[in-house]
């Protein structure tokens, strides 16, 4: 996300771009899946 226009569009929507490696993104997604699965289990 190096485009100022793209960053501006995200900011207007309340989001922010993060530059990270594919390994960091994979670790983030794994943690999110685990977090959401835990929330689902606790809701039952």
N, C-alpha and C. Protein backbone atom coordinates (compact mmCIF):
# COMPACT_ATOMS: atom_id res chain seq x y z
N UNK A 1 0.82 -1.17 0.00
CA UNK A 1 0.00 0.00 0.00
C UNK A 1 0.87 1.25 0.00
N UNK A 2 1.53 1.47 -1.06
CA UNK A 2 2.38 2.65 -1.14
C UNK A 2 1.67 3.82 -1.81
N UNK A 3 0.51 3.56 -2.40
CA UNK A 3 -0.24 4.61 -3.08
C UNK A 3 -0.94 5.50 -2.06
N UNK A 4 -0.67 6.80 -2.12
CA UNK A 4 -1.37 7.71 -1.21
C UNK A 4 -2.88 7.67 -1.39
N UNK A 5 -3.33 7.47 -2.63
CA UNK A 5 -4.77 7.41 -2.88
C UNK A 5 -5.39 6.19 -2.18
N UNK A 6 -4.73 5.05 -2.28
CA UNK A 6 -5.24 3.83 -1.65
C UNK A 6 -5.25 3.98 -0.13
N UNK A 7 -4.18 4.53 0.43
CA UNK A 7 -4.13 4.75 1.88
C UNK A 7 -5.23 5.72 2.31
N UNK A 8 -5.47 6.75 1.51
CA UNK A 8 -6.52 7.71 1.82
C UNK A 8 -7.90 7.06 1.79
N UNK A 9 -8.13 6.21 0.80
CA UNK A 9 -9.41 5.49 0.70
C UNK A 9 -9.63 4.62 1.93
N UNK A 10 -8.59 3.90 2.34
CA UNK A 10 -8.69 3.06 3.54
C UNK A 10 -8.96 3.91 4.78
N UNK A 11 -8.25 5.02 4.90
CA UNK A 11 -8.42 5.89 6.06
C UNK A 11 -9.85 6.42 6.13
N UNK A 12 -10.43 6.78 5.00
CA UNK A 12 -11.80 7.27 4.99
C UNK A 12 -12.79 6.19 5.44
N UNK A 13 -12.40 4.94 5.26
CA UNK A 13 -13.27 3.83 5.66
C UNK A 13 -12.96 3.36 7.09
N UNK A 14 -12.01 4.02 7.74
CA UNK A 14 -11.67 3.68 9.11
C UNK A 14 -10.65 2.56 9.22
N UNK A 15 -9.96 2.24 8.13
CA UNK A 15 -8.96 1.17 8.14
C UNK A 15 -7.56 1.77 7.98
N UNK A 16 -6.57 0.95 8.22
CA UNK A 16 -5.18 1.37 8.03
C UNK A 16 -4.40 0.22 7.42
N UNK A 17 -3.55 0.56 6.47
CA UNK A 17 -2.71 -0.45 5.82
C UNK A 17 -1.49 -0.73 6.69
N UNK A 18 -1.11 -1.98 6.75
CA UNK A 18 0.10 -2.35 7.48
C UNK A 18 1.01 -3.08 6.51
N UNK A 19 2.25 -2.66 6.46
CA UNK A 19 3.21 -3.34 5.62
C UNK A 19 3.90 -4.40 6.47
N UNK A 20 3.78 -5.65 6.05
CA UNK A 20 4.38 -6.75 6.80
C UNK A 20 4.78 -7.84 5.81
N UNK A 21 5.65 -8.70 6.28
CA UNK A 21 6.09 -9.81 5.43
C UNK A 21 4.99 -10.86 5.34
N UNK A 22 5.13 -11.76 4.40
CA UNK A 22 4.13 -12.82 4.27
C UNK A 22 4.13 -13.71 5.51
N UNK A 23 5.28 -13.92 6.13
CA UNK A 23 5.35 -14.73 7.35
C UNK A 23 4.60 -14.04 8.49
N UNK A 24 4.75 -12.72 8.60
CA UNK A 24 4.03 -11.98 9.65
C UNK A 24 2.53 -12.02 9.40
N UNK A 25 2.13 -11.89 8.15
CA UNK A 25 0.70 -11.95 7.82
C UNK A 25 0.14 -13.33 8.12
N UNK A 26 0.89 -14.38 7.79
CA UNK A 26 0.45 -15.74 8.07
C UNK A 26 0.28 -15.95 9.57
N UNK A 27 1.22 -15.46 10.37
CA UNK A 27 1.13 -15.59 11.82
C UNK A 27 -0.07 -14.82 12.35
N UNK A 28 -0.33 -13.63 11.81
CA UNK A 28 -1.49 -12.84 12.21
C UNK A 28 -2.78 -13.59 11.91
N UNK A 29 -2.89 -14.14 10.70
CA UNK A 29 -4.12 -14.85 10.31
C UNK A 29 -4.33 -16.09 11.17
N UNK A 30 -3.26 -16.80 11.50
CA UNK A 30 -3.37 -17.98 12.37
C UNK A 30 -3.89 -17.58 13.74
N UNK A 31 -3.34 -16.50 14.28
CA UNK A 31 -3.78 -16.02 15.60
C UNK A 31 -5.24 -15.58 15.56
N UNK A 32 -5.65 -14.92 14.48
CA UNK A 32 -7.04 -14.48 14.35
C UNK A 32 -7.98 -15.67 14.25
N UNK A 33 -7.61 -16.70 13.48
CA UNK A 33 -8.46 -17.89 13.38
C UNK A 33 -8.63 -18.53 14.75
N UNK A 34 -7.55 -18.63 15.51
CA UNK A 34 -7.62 -19.22 16.84
C UNK A 34 -8.49 -18.37 17.76
N UNK A 35 -8.34 -17.06 17.68
CA UNK A 35 -9.12 -16.15 18.52
C UNK A 35 -10.62 -16.27 18.20
N UNK A 36 -10.94 -16.27 16.93
CA UNK A 36 -12.35 -16.35 16.53
C UNK A 36 -12.93 -17.71 16.87
N UNK A 37 -12.16 -18.77 16.71
CA UNK A 37 -12.63 -20.11 17.08
C UNK A 37 -12.92 -20.17 18.58
N UNK A 38 -12.06 -19.57 19.39
CA UNK A 38 -12.26 -19.55 20.84
C UNK A 38 -13.54 -18.79 21.19
N UNK A 39 -13.76 -17.66 20.53
CA UNK A 39 -14.99 -16.90 20.77
C UNK A 39 -16.21 -17.74 20.42
N UNK A 40 -16.14 -18.45 19.30
CA UNK A 40 -17.24 -19.31 18.89
C UNK A 40 -17.51 -20.41 19.88
N UNK A 41 -16.44 -21.04 20.38
CA UNK A 41 -16.62 -22.12 21.37
C UNK A 41 -17.23 -21.59 22.65
N UNK A 42 -16.79 -20.40 23.09
CA UNK A 42 -17.30 -19.83 24.34
C UNK A 42 -18.74 -19.38 24.21
N UNK A 43 -19.18 -19.08 22.99
CA UNK A 43 -20.55 -18.62 22.79
C UNK A 43 -21.55 -19.77 22.84
N UNK A 44 -21.08 -20.99 22.70
CA UNK A 44 -22.01 -22.13 22.70
C UNK A 44 -22.45 -22.52 24.07
